[in-house]
Amino acid sequence: MEKTSETWVTAPERLVSTTRRDACVVHIYPTGPGMGTRYALADSPMVLGRGNDCDIRINDHSVSRRHARIQPGADGYYAVDLQSTNGTFVNDIPASICKLKDGDYLRVGNCIYRFLAGGNVEAEYHEEIYRLTIIDALTDIHNKRYLLEFLDRELSRSARYHRHLSLVMFDLDRFKAVNEELGHLGGDFTLREVAACVKGSIRKEELFARYGGEEFVIVLPETALESGILVAERLRQLIERHPFQYEGKKYPITISIGVSATNGETSLTPHDLIRQADEKLFNAKNTGRNRVVS
């Protein structure tokens, strides 16, 4: 049974009126009909949870009946965990009570919200909506839509100038077992952790994107196949050596990788190049996993 005791952060009445009240939270994950929904914050606390009496009702088994509260204070808004089962996180850091800053990510169970409280919340909101069209909210890297647009441009440039272009496609080995052992919250954590590991090694002219599920793609402009293979092998070793740990439990993660490439002499579509890499990835899975096939 969930505990019902709650902690309140209350501003003196004379100070409440000076606190900005044009802030909001935006639902950014999971994707679906609710994505982009904006909840305006005011002088009253807003409770998030699975219960019918909550201000933001979240129909997700990872969320407690009264999970968290966004509480106005003298100097802004605070996220307050209501002793939930799966915890409340601000920017992936556990938070029992945490002051929210403009742009912070508030995670409640499996759901993620973006807190907006800048000088022009309306402009920030529309910017966030555009961001949701090109960024994967869970991993904070580009999504499939943006990947296909970027790859189409780079393939056109490759064909026009006969430039090399490589594509690296990888997915997590035995990810279903990770979800079964750690739960879907642990699975989401693993995807974010893998993305963060790889993101730090990507150059600004390259593109790293989530293709779907546990599949990721890296586009390497001006890169021949041999160099693409070296990049893939470096990433394979990076993930294999990374110390994954969720709720105190350490566990290994490996990835299988397929690499495809073009020198611009053959006309290819984004789907052609991705399909070639996906076939190599399939071969890597079938020949033992945790390897690069090109």
C-alpha atoms as a PDB file:
ATOM      1  CA  MET A   1       0.000   0.000   0.000  1.00  0.00           C
ATOM      2  CA  GLU A   2       1.324   3.438  -0.922  1.00  0.00           C
ATOM      3  CA  LYS A   3       2.010   5.915   1.832  1.00  0.00           C
ATOM      4  CA  THR A   4      -0.071   9.069   1.826  1.00  0.00           C
ATOM      5  CA  SER A   5       2.074  11.487   3.789  1.00  0.00           C
ATOM      6  CA  GLU A   6       3.076  14.533   1.731  1.00  0.00           C
ATOM      7  CA  THR A   7       5.598  17.337   2.077  1.00  0.00           C
ATOM      8  CA  TRP A   8       4.502  20.872   1.265  1.00  0.00           C
ATOM      9  CA  VAL A   9       6.539  23.798   0.081  1.00  0.00           C
ATOM     10  CA  THR A  10       4.484  26.873   0.864  1.00  0.00           C
ATOM     11  CA  ALA A  11       5.356  30.459   0.050  1.00  0.00           C
ATOM     12  CA  PRO A  12       4.413  33.320   2.356  1.00  0.00           C
ATOM     13  CA  GLU A  13       1.201  34.867   1.008  1.00  0.00           C
ATOM     14  CA  ARG A  14       2.817  38.256   0.347  1.00  0.00           C
ATOM     15  CA  LEU A  15       5.459  36.616  -1.863  1.00  0.00           C
ATOM     16  CA  VAL A  16       3.234  34.375  -3.947  1.00  0.00           C
ATOM     17  CA  SER A  17       1.985  37.242  -6.096  1.00  0.00           C
ATOM     18  CA  THR A  18       5.550  38.109  -7.148  1.00  0.00           C
ATOM     19  CA  THR A  19       6.258  34.592  -8.447  1.00  0.00           C
ATOM     20  CA  ARG A  20       5.892  34.031 -12.189  1.00  0.00           C
ATOM     21  CA  ARG A  21       2.633  32.232 -12.946  1.00  0.00           C
ATOM     22  CA  ASP A  22       2.943  31.820 -16.724  1.00  0.00           C
ATOM     23  CA  ALA A  23       4.924  28.576 -16.476  1.00  0.00           C
ATOM     24  CA  CYS A  24       3.748  25.225 -17.836  1.00  0.00           C
ATOM     25  CA  VAL A  25       4.753  21.583 -18.239  1.00  0.00           C
ATOM     26  CA  VAL A  26       4.608  19.841 -21.622  1.00  0.00           C
ATOM     27  CA  HIS A  27       4.083  16.096 -22.073  1.00  0.00           C
ATOM     28  CA  ILE A  28       6.929  14.861 -24.289  1.00  0.00           C
ATOM     29  CA  TYR A  29       7.035  11.087 -23.631  1.00  0.00           C
ATOM     30  CA  PRO A  30       5.590   8.541 -24.330  1.00  0.00           C
ATOM     31  CA  THR A  31       4.682   9.487 -27.872  1.00  0.00           C
ATOM     32  CA  GLY A  32       1.055   9.283 -28.909  1.00  0.00           C
ATOM     33  CA  PRO A  33      -2.060  11.458 -28.755  1.00  0.00           C
ATOM     34  CA  GLY A  34      -0.975  13.108 -25.495  1.00  0.00           C
ATOM     35  CA  MET A  35       2.428  14.223 -26.754  1.00  0.00           C
ATOM     36  CA  GLY A  36       2.713  18.006 -26.792  1.00  0.00           C
ATOM     37  CA  THR A  37      -0.141  18.556 -24.314  1.00  0.00           C
ATOM     38  CA  ARG A  38       0.510  21.690 -22.269  1.00  0.00           C
ATOM     39  CA  TYR A  39      -0.534  22.050 -18.622  1.00  0.00           C
ATOM     40  CA  ALA A  40      -0.496  25.621 -17.358  1.00  0.00           C
ATOM     41  CA  LEU A  41       0.755  26.130 -13.792  1.00  0.00           C
ATOM     42  CA  ALA A  42      -0.801  28.647 -11.421  1.00  0.00           C
ATOM     43  CA  ASP A  43      -0.956  29.464  -7.705  1.00  0.00           C
ATOM     44  CA  SER A  44      -2.422  26.078  -6.779  1.00  0.00           C
ATOM     45  CA  PRO A  45      -0.409  22.843  -6.589  1.00  0.00           C
ATOM     46  CA  MET A  46      -0.811  20.370  -9.428  1.00  0.00           C
ATOM     47  CA  VAL A  47      -0.811  16.639  -8.618  1.00  0.00           C
ATOM     48  CA  LEU A  48       0.346  14.044 -11.141  1.00  0.00           C
ATOM     49  CA  GLY A  49      -0.715  10.431 -10.784  1.00  0.00           C
ATOM     50  CA  ARG A  50      -2.881   7.524 -11.817  1.00  0.00           C
ATOM     51  CA  GLY A  51      -5.789   8.436  -9.530  1.00  0.00           C
ATOM     52  CA  ASN A  52      -9.011   9.968 -10.826  1.00  0.00           C
ATOM     53  CA  ASP A  53      -8.597  12.938  -8.480  1.00  0.00           C
ATOM     54  CA  CYS A  54      -5.221  13.996  -9.934  1.00  0.00           C
ATOM     55  CA  ASP A  55      -4.835  17.226 -11.916  1.00  0.00           C
ATOM     56  CA  ILE A  56      -2.680  15.432 -14.503  1.00  0.00           C
ATOM     57  CA  ARG A  57      -4.028  11.902 -14.754  1.00  0.00           C
ATOM     58  CA  ILE A  58      -1.533   9.389 -16.158  1.00  0.00           C
ATOM     59  CA  ASN A  59      -2.877   5.997 -17.164  1.00  0.00           C
ATOM     60  CA  ASP A  60       0.386   4.070 -16.837  1.00  0.00           C
ATOM     61  CA  HIS A  61       1.209   1.180 -14.500  1.00  0.00           C
ATOM     62  CA  SER A  62       4.615   2.746 -13.677  1.00  0.00           C
ATOM     63  CA  VAL A  63       2.883   5.737 -12.057  1.00  0.00           C
ATOM     64  CA  SER A  64       1.528   5.714  -8.486  1.00  0.00           C
ATOM     65  CA  ARG A  65      -2.005   6.858  -7.687  1.00  0.00           C
ATOM     66  CA  ARG A  66      -0.633  10.139  -6.294  1.00  0.00           C
ATOM     67  CA  HIS A  67       2.884  10.179  -7.655  1.00  0.00           C
ATOM     68  CA  ALA A  68       4.203  13.755  -7.556  1.00  0.00           C
ATOM     69  CA  ARG A  69       3.159  17.356  -7.131  1.00  0.00           C
ATOM     70  CA  ILE A  70       4.286  20.578  -8.767  1.00  0.00           C
ATOM     71  CA  GLN A  71       4.133  23.080  -5.938  1.00  0.00           C
ATOM     72  CA  PRO A  72       4.344  26.895  -6.230  1.00  0.00           C
ATOM     73  CA  GLY A  73       6.837  28.523  -3.880  1.00  0.00           C
ATOM     74  CA  ALA A  74       8.134  31.997  -3.147  1.00  0.00           C
ATOM     75  CA  ASP A  75      10.833  31.778  -5.822  1.00  0.00           C
ATOM     76  CA  GLY A  76       9.266  29.503  -8.435  1.00  0.00           C
ATOM     77  CA  TYR A  77       7.958  25.956  -8.714  1.00  0.00           C
ATOM     78  CA  TYR A  78       9.089  22.784  -6.972  1.00  0.00           C
ATOM     79  CA  ALA A  79       8.708  19.140  -7.933  1.00  0.00           C
ATOM     80  CA  VAL A  80       7.730  17.103  -4.879  1.00  0.00           C
ATOM     81  CA  ASP A  81       7.677  13.313  -4.835  1.00  0.00           C
ATOM     82  CA  LEU A  82       4.689  11.898  -2.947  1.00  0.00           C
ATOM     83  CA  GLN A  83       6.533   8.776  -1.783  1.00  0.00           C
ATOM     84  CA  SER A  84       5.798   7.093  -5.106  1.00  0.00           C
ATOM     85  CA  THR A  85       6.799   3.519  -5.873  1.00  0.00           C
ATOM     86  CA  ASN A  86       9.105   4.321  -8.808  1.00  0.00           C
ATOM     87  CA  GLY A  87      10.268   7.779  -7.733  1.00  0.00           C
ATOM     88  CA  THR A  88      10.278  11.235  -9.277  1.00  0.00           C
ATOM     89  CA  PHE A  89      13.277  12.450 -11.269  1.00  0.00           C
ATOM     90  CA  VAL A  90      14.448  15.853 -12.467  1.00  0.00           C
ATOM     91  CA  ASN A  91      16.939  15.563 -15.330  1.00  0.00           C
ATOM     92  CA  ASP A  92      17.323  11.863 -14.446  1.00  0.00           C
ATOM     93  CA  ILE A  93      18.352  12.703 -10.852  1.00  0.00           C
ATOM     94  CA  PRO A  94      16.111  11.344  -8.058  1.00  0.00           C
ATOM     95  CA  ALA A  95      14.272  14.213  -6.432  1.00  0.00           C
ATOM     96  CA  SER A  96      12.179  14.209  -3.280  1.00  0.00           C
ATOM     97  CA  ILE A  97      11.919  18.011  -3.416  1.00  0.00           C
ATOM     98  CA  CYS A  98      13.585  19.947  -6.235  1.00  0.00           C
ATOM     99  CA  LYS A  99      13.209  23.483  -7.547  1.00  0.00           C
ATOM    100  CA  LEU A 100      12.443  23.413 -11.249  1.00  0.00           C
ATOM    101  CA  LYS A 101      14.463  25.498 -13.695  1.00  0.00           C
ATOM    102  CA  ASP A 102      13.388  26.508 -17.178  1.00  0.00           C
ATOM    103  CA  GLY A 103      13.897  23.569 -19.543  1.00  0.00           C
ATOM    104  CA  ASP A 104      14.147  20.882 -16.851  1.00  0.00           C
ATOM    105  CA  TYR A 105      12.887  17.371 -17.595  1.00  0.00           C
ATOM    106  CA  LEU A 106      10.482  15.964 -15.012  1.00  0.00           C
ATOM    107  CA  ARG A 107      10.106  12.172 -15.125  1.00  0.00           C
ATOM    108  CA  VAL A 108       7.174  10.540 -13.377  1.00  0.00           C
ATOM    109  CA  GLY A 109       7.330   6.773 -13.761  1.00  0.00           C
ATOM    110  CA  ASN A 110       7.586   6.127 -17.479  1.00  0.00           C
ATOM    111  CA  CYS A 111       6.361   9.611 -18.465  1.00  0.00           C
ATOM    112  CA  ILE A 112       8.483  12.693 -19.147  1.00  0.00           C
ATOM    113  CA  TYR A 113       7.419  16.345 -18.989  1.00  0.00           C
ATOM    114  CA  ARG A 114       9.359  19.496 -19.920  1.00  0.00           C
ATOM    115  CA  PHE A 115       9.096  22.449 -17.539  1.00  0.00           C
ATOM    116  CA  LEU A 116       8.953  25.832 -19.286  1.00  0.00           C
ATOM    117  CA  ALA A 117       9.165  29.100 -17.343  1.00  0.00           C
ATOM    118  CA  GLY A 118      11.191  31.493 -19.498  1.00  0.00           C
ATOM    119  CA  GLY A 119      10.443  35.064 -20.472  1.00  0.00           C
ATOM    120  CA  ASN A 120       8.251  33.967 -23.388  1.00  0.00           C
ATOM    121  CA  VAL A 121       6.593  30.680 -22.538  1.00  0.00           C
ATOM    122  CA  GLU A 122       4.416  30.789 -25.659  1.00  0.00           C
ATOM    123  CA  ALA A 123       7.459  30.970 -27.936  1.00  0.00           C
ATOM    124  CA  GLU A 124       9.238  28.295 -25.894  1.00  0.00           C
ATOM    125  CA  TYR A 125       6.212  26.045 -26.159  1.00  0.00           C
ATOM    126  CA  HIS A 126       6.072  26.256 -29.957  1.00  0.00           C
ATOM    127  CA  GLU A 127       9.825  25.712 -30.098  1.00  0.00           C
ATOM    128  CA  GLU A 128       9.372  22.598 -27.944  1.00  0.00           C
ATOM    129  CA  ILE A 129       6.621  21.308 -30.240  1.00  0.00           C
ATOM    130  CA  TYR A 130       8.968  21.691 -33.221  1.00  0.00           C
ATOM    131  CA  ARG A 131      11.707  19.984 -31.218  1.00  0.00           C
ATOM    132  CA  LEU A 132       9.392  17.017 -30.608  1.00  0.00           C
ATOM    133  CA  THR A 133       9.072  16.570 -34.376  1.00  0.00           C
ATOM    134  CA  ILE A 134      12.834  15.988 -34.813  1.00  0.00           C
ATOM    135  CA  ILE A 135      14.101  14.768 -31.405  1.00  0.00           C
ATOM    136  CA  ASP A 136      13.392  11.469 -29.664  1.00  0.00           C
ATOM    137  CA  ALA A 137      12.174  12.524 -26.225  1.00  0.00           C
ATOM    138  CA  LEU A 138      13.398   9.430 -24.375  1.00  0.00           C
ATOM    139  CA  THR A 139      17.021   9.475 -25.561  1.00  0.00           C
ATOM    140  CA  ASP A 140      17.364  13.180 -26.492  1.00  0.00           C
ATOM    141  CA  ILE A 141      18.887  12.370 -29.902  1.00  0.00           C
ATOM    142  CA  HIS A 142      17.374  12.844 -33.360  1.00  0.00           C
ATOM    143  CA  ASN A 143      14.425  10.693 -34.384  1.00  0.00           C
ATOM    144  CA  LYS A 144      13.687   8.611 -37.475  1.00  0.00           C
ATOM    145  CA  ARG A 145      11.942  11.455 -39.278  1.00  0.00           C
ATOM    146  CA  TYR A 146      14.932  13.752 -39.038  1.00  0.00           C
ATOM    147  CA  LEU A 147      17.298  10.877 -39.874  1.00  0.00           C
ATOM    148  CA  LEU A 148      15.567  10.210 -43.193  1.00  0.00           C
ATOM    149  CA  GLU A 149      15.617  13.911 -44.111  1.00  0.00           C
ATOM    150  CA  PHE A 150      19.306  14.265 -43.207  1.00  0.00           C
ATOM    151  CA  LEU A 151      20.274  11.070 -45.018  1.00  0.00           C
ATOM    152  CA  ASP A 152      18.382  12.113 -48.139  1.00  0.00           C
ATOM    153  CA  ARG A 153      20.355  15.382 -48.274  1.00  0.00           C
ATOM    154  CA  GLU A 154      23.679  13.634 -47.677  1.00  0.00           C
ATOM    155  CA  LEU A 155      23.012  10.985 -50.320  1.00  0.00           C
ATOM    156  CA  SER A 156      22.200  13.708 -52.850  1.00  0.00           C
ATOM    157  CA  ARG A 157      25.464  15.458 -52.011  1.00  0.00           C
ATOM    158  CA  SER A 158      27.348  12.157 -52.220  1.00  0.00           C
ATOM    159  CA  ALA A 159      25.922  11.450 -55.686  1.00  0.00           C
ATOM    160  CA  ARG A 160      26.543  14.992 -56.944  1.00  0.00           C
ATOM    161  CA  TYR A 161      30.180  15.192 -55.852  1.00  0.00           C
ATOM    162  CA  HIS A 162      31.029  11.442 -55.721  1.00  0.00           C
ATOM    163  CA  ARG A 163      31.747  11.680 -52.003  1.00  0.00           C
ATOM    164  CA  HIS A 164      31.985   8.747 -49.615  1.00  0.00           C
ATOM    165  CA  LEU A 165      29.190   8.188 -47.104  1.00  0.00           C
ATOM    166  CA  SER A 166      28.874   5.437 -44.482  1.00  0.00           C
ATOM    167  CA  LEU A 167      25.960   4.376 -42.341  1.00  0.00           C
ATOM    168  CA  VAL A 168      26.287   2.472 -39.059  1.00  0.00           C
ATOM    169  CA  MET A 169      23.227   0.687 -37.700  1.00  0.00           C
ATOM    170  CA  PHE A 170      23.204  -1.066 -34.328  1.00  0.00           C
ATOM    171  CA  ASP A 171      20.833  -2.462 -31.781  1.00  0.00           C
ATOM    172  CA  LEU A 172      21.116  -3.801 -28.259  1.00  0.00           C
ATOM    173  CA  ASP A 173      21.692  -7.522 -27.839  1.00  0.00           C
ATOM    174  CA  ARG A 174      19.053  -9.430 -25.876  1.00  0.00           C
ATOM    175  CA  PHE A 175      17.199  -6.240 -24.974  1.00  0.00           C
ATOM    176  CA  LYS A 176      14.003  -8.201 -24.281  1.00  0.00           C
ATOM    177  CA  ALA A 177      15.813  -9.937 -21.414  1.00  0.00           C
ATOM    178  CA  VAL A 178      16.827  -6.530 -20.011  1.00  0.00           C
ATOM    179  CA  ASN A 179      13.185  -5.426 -19.970  1.00  0.00           C
ATOM    180  CA  GLU A 180      12.122  -8.675 -18.329  1.00  0.00           C
ATOM    181  CA  GLU A 181      14.784  -8.457 -15.611  1.00  0.00           C
ATOM    182  CA  LEU A 182      14.762  -4.713 -14.882  1.00  0.00           C
ATOM    183  CA  GLY A 183      11.267  -3.764 -16.021  1.00  0.00           C
ATOM    184  CA  HIS A 184      10.431  -1.186 -18.659  1.00  0.00           C
ATOM    185  CA  LEU A 185      11.815   1.652 -16.533  1.00  0.00           C
ATOM    186  CA  GLY A 186      15.143  -0.182 -16.474  1.00  0.00           C
ATOM    187  CA  GLY A 187      14.877  -0.730 -20.214  1.00  0.00           C
ATOM    188  CA  ASP A 188      14.255   2.976 -20.810  1.00  0.00           C
ATOM    189  CA  PHE A 189      17.197   3.820 -18.568  1.00  0.00           C
ATOM    190  CA  THR A 190      19.407   1.482 -20.620  1.00  0.00           C
ATOM    191  CA  LEU A 191      18.389   3.115 -23.906  1.00  0.00           C
ATOM    192  CA  ARG A 192      19.131   6.568 -22.493  1.00  0.00           C
ATOM    193  CA  GLU A 193      22.481   5.397 -21.133  1.00  0.00           C
ATOM    194  CA  VAL A 194      23.522   3.844 -24.462  1.00  0.00           C
ATOM    195  CA  ALA A 195      22.502   7.007 -26.304  1.00  0.00           C
ATOM    196  CA  ALA A 196      24.469   9.187 -23.890  1.00  0.00           C
ATOM    197  CA  CYS A 197      27.574   7.003 -24.312  1.00  0.00           C
ATOM    198  CA  VAL A 198      27.504   7.167 -28.086  1.00  0.00           C
ATOM    199  CA  LYS A 199      26.410  10.798 -28.330  1.00  0.00           C
ATOM    200  CA  GLY A 200      29.654  11.992 -26.770  1.00  0.00           C
ATOM    201  CA  SER A 201      31.719  10.448 -29.560  1.00  0.00           C
ATOM    202  CA  ILE A 202      29.733  11.852 -32.508  1.00  0.00           C
ATOM    203  CA  ARG A 203      31.210  14.777 -34.456  1.00  0.00           C
ATOM    204  CA  LYS A 204      29.054  17.798 -35.292  1.00  0.00           C
ATOM    205  CA  GLU A 205      28.928  16.968 -39.028  1.00  0.00           C
ATOM    206  CA  GLU A 206      27.678  13.438 -38.268  1.00  0.00           C
ATOM    207  CA  LEU A 207      24.195  12.396 -37.205  1.00  0.00           C
ATOM    208  CA  PHE A 208      23.164  10.025 -34.429  1.00  0.00           C
ATOM    209  CA  ALA A 209      19.501   9.040 -34.350  1.00  0.00           C
ATOM    210  CA  ARG A 210      17.130   6.516 -32.822  1.00  0.00           C
ATOM    211  CA  TYR A 211      15.645   4.480 -35.658  1.00  0.00           C
ATOM    212  CA  GLY A 212      13.055   2.743 -33.502  1.00  0.00           C
ATOM    213  CA  GLY A 213      12.857   0.528 -30.413  1.00  0.00           C
ATOM    214  CA  GLU A 214      16.418  -0.436 -29.516  1.00  0.00           C
ATOM    215  CA  GLU A 215      17.806   0.335 -33.011  1.00  0.00           C
ATOM    216  CA  PHE A 216      20.093   3.318 -33.626  1.00  0.00           C
ATOM    217  CA  VAL A 217      21.729   4.770 -36.733  1.00  0.00           C
ATOM    218  CA  ILE A 218      24.825   6.913 -37.257  1.00  0.00           C
ATOM    219  CA  VAL A 219      25.358   8.735 -40.570  1.00  0.00           C
ATOM    220  CA  LEU A 220      29.012   9.441 -41.383  1.00  0.00           C
ATOM    221  CA  PRO A 221      29.463  11.930 -44.253  1.00  0.00           C
ATOM    222  CA  GLU A 222      32.820  11.959 -46.080  1.00  0.00           C
ATOM    223  CA  THR A 223      33.590   8.525 -44.609  1.00  0.00           C
ATOM    224  CA  ALA A 224      34.591   5.458 -46.639  1.00  0.00           C
ATOM    225  CA  LEU A 225      33.540   1.943 -45.647  1.00  0.00           C
ATOM    226  CA  GLU A 226      36.880   1.085 -44.013  1.00  0.00           C
ATOM    227  CA  SER A 227      36.679   4.140 -41.750  1.00  0.00           C
ATOM    228  CA  GLY A 228      33.023   3.425 -41.001  1.00  0.00           C
ATOM    229  CA  ILE A 229      33.997  -0.045 -39.812  1.00  0.00           C
ATOM    230  CA  LEU A 230      36.607   1.454 -37.482  1.00  0.00           C
ATOM    231  CA  VAL A 231      33.990   3.807 -36.026  1.00  0.00           C
ATOM    232  CA  ALA A 232      31.597   0.893 -35.531  1.00  0.00           C
ATOM    233  CA  GLU A 233      34.208  -1.232 -33.783  1.00  0.00           C
ATOM    234  CA  ARG A 234      35.133   1.632 -31.476  1.00  0.00           C
ATOM    235  CA  LEU A 235      31.467   2.050 -30.527  1.00  0.00           C
ATOM    236  CA  ARG A 236      31.059  -1.697 -29.960  1.00  0.00           C
ATOM    237  CA  GLN A 237      33.960  -1.663 -27.506  1.00  0.00           C
ATOM    238  CA  LEU A 238      32.666   1.519 -25.847  1.00  0.00           C
ATOM    239  CA  ILE A 239      29.323  -0.085 -24.990  1.00  0.00           C
ATOM    240  CA  GLU A 240      30.833  -3.434 -24.005  1.00  0.00           C
ATOM    241  CA  ARG A 241      33.142  -1.736 -21.487  1.00  0.00           C
ATOM    242  CA  HIS A 242      30.590   0.718 -20.069  1.00  0.00           C
ATOM    243  CA  PRO A 243      29.525  -0.063 -16.455  1.00  0.00           C
ATOM    244  CA  PHE A 244      25.721  -0.210 -16.706  1.00  0.00           C
ATOM    245  CA  GLN A 245      23.980  -0.059 -13.341  1.00  0.00           C
ATOM    246  CA  TYR A 246      20.292   0.377 -12.526  1.00  0.00           C
ATOM    247  CA  GLU A 247      18.960   0.625  -8.964  1.00  0.00           C
ATOM    248  CA  GLY A 248      22.204  -0.806  -7.632  1.00  0.00           C
ATOM    249  CA  LYS A 249      22.237  -3.765 -10.016  1.00  0.00           C
ATOM    250  CA  LYS A 250      25.155  -4.022 -12.455  1.00  0.00           C
ATOM    251  CA  TYR A 251      24.560  -5.693 -15.803  1.00  0.00           C
ATOM    252  CA  PRO A 252      26.400  -6.009 -19.143  1.00  0.00           C
ATOM    253  CA  ILE A 253      25.181  -4.596 -22.457  1.00  0.00           C
ATOM    254  CA  THR A 254      26.556  -5.378 -25.911  1.00  0.00           C
ATOM    255  CA  ILE A 255      25.525  -4.240 -29.380  1.00  0.00           C
ATOM    256  CA  SER A 256      25.504  -5.819 -32.831  1.00  0.00           C
ATOM    257  CA  ILE A 257      26.387  -3.539 -35.750  1.00  0.00           C
ATOM    258  CA  GLY A 258      25.901  -3.472 -39.507  1.00  0.00           C
ATOM    259  CA  VAL A 259      27.766  -1.023 -41.756  1.00  0.00           C
ATOM    260  CA  SER A 260      26.874   0.061 -45.297  1.00  0.00           C
ATOM    261  CA  ALA A 261      28.510   2.673 -47.514  1.00  0.00           C
ATOM    262  CA  THR A 262      28.452   4.420 -50.886  1.00  0.00           C
ATOM    263  CA  ASN A 263      30.937   6.442 -52.925  1.00  0.00           C
ATOM    264  CA  GLY A 264      28.194   8.276 -54.780  1.00  0.00           C
ATOM    265  CA  GLU A 265      28.553   6.376 -58.044  1.00  0.00           C
ATOM    266  CA  THR A 266      25.336   4.396 -57.530  1.00  0.00           C
ATOM    267  CA  SER A 267      22.009   6.138 -56.967  1.00  0.00           C
ATOM    268  CA  LEU A 268      20.624   5.126 -53.578  1.00  0.00           C
ATOM    269  CA  THR A 269      17.650   6.222 -51.489  1.00  0.00           C
ATOM    270  CA  PRO A 270      17.825   6.502 -47.693  1.00  0.00           C
ATOM    271  CA  HIS A 271      15.839   3.271 -47.407  1.00  0.00           C
ATOM    272  CA  ASP A 272      18.291   1.498 -49.739  1.00  0.00           C
ATOM    273  CA  LEU A 273      21.295   2.348 -47.583  1.00  0.00           C
ATOM    274  CA  ILE A 274      19.443   1.576 -44.355  1.00  0.00           C
ATOM    275  CA  ARG A 275      18.256  -1.769 -45.746  1.00  0.00           C
ATOM    276  CA  GLN A 276      21.850  -2.717 -46.632  1.00  0.00           C
ATOM    277  CA  ALA A 277      23.024  -1.893 -43.093  1.00  0.00           C
ATOM    278  CA  ASP A 278      20.034  -3.721 -41.601  1.00  0.00           C
ATOM    279  CA  GLU A 279      20.949  -6.877 -43.543  1.00  0.00           C
ATOM    280  CA  LYS A 280      24.493  -6.690 -42.150  1.00  0.00           C
ATOM    281  CA  LEU A 281      23.071  -6.124 -38.658  1.00  0.00           C
ATOM    282  CA  PHE A 282      20.908  -9.227 -39.091  1.00  0.00           C
ATOM    283  CA  ASN A 283      24.022 -11.196 -40.033  1.00  0.00           C
ATOM    284  CA  ALA A 284      25.827  -9.888 -36.934  1.00  0.00           C
ATOM    285  CA  LYS A 285      22.946 -11.133 -34.771  1.00  0.00           C
ATOM    286  CA  ASN A 286      22.927 -14.540 -36.418  1.00  0.00           C
ATOM    287  CA  THR A 287      26.675 -15.066 -36.148  1.00  0.00           C
ATOM    288  CA  GLY A 288      27.007 -14.557 -32.411  1.00  0.00           C
ATOM    289  CA  ARG A 289      26.091 -10.911 -31.587  1.00  0.00           C
ATOM    290  CA  ASN A 290      28.465  -8.286 -30.160  1.00  0.00           C
ATOM    291  CA  ARG A 291      30.228  -7.851 -33.486  1.00  0.00           C
ATOM    292  CA  VAL A 292      30.500  -5.654 -36.594  1.00  0.00           C
ATOM    293  CA  VAL A 293      29.512  -6.928 -40.036  1.00  0.00           C
ATOM    294  CA  SER A 294      30.016  -4.880 -43.220  1.00  0.00           C
END
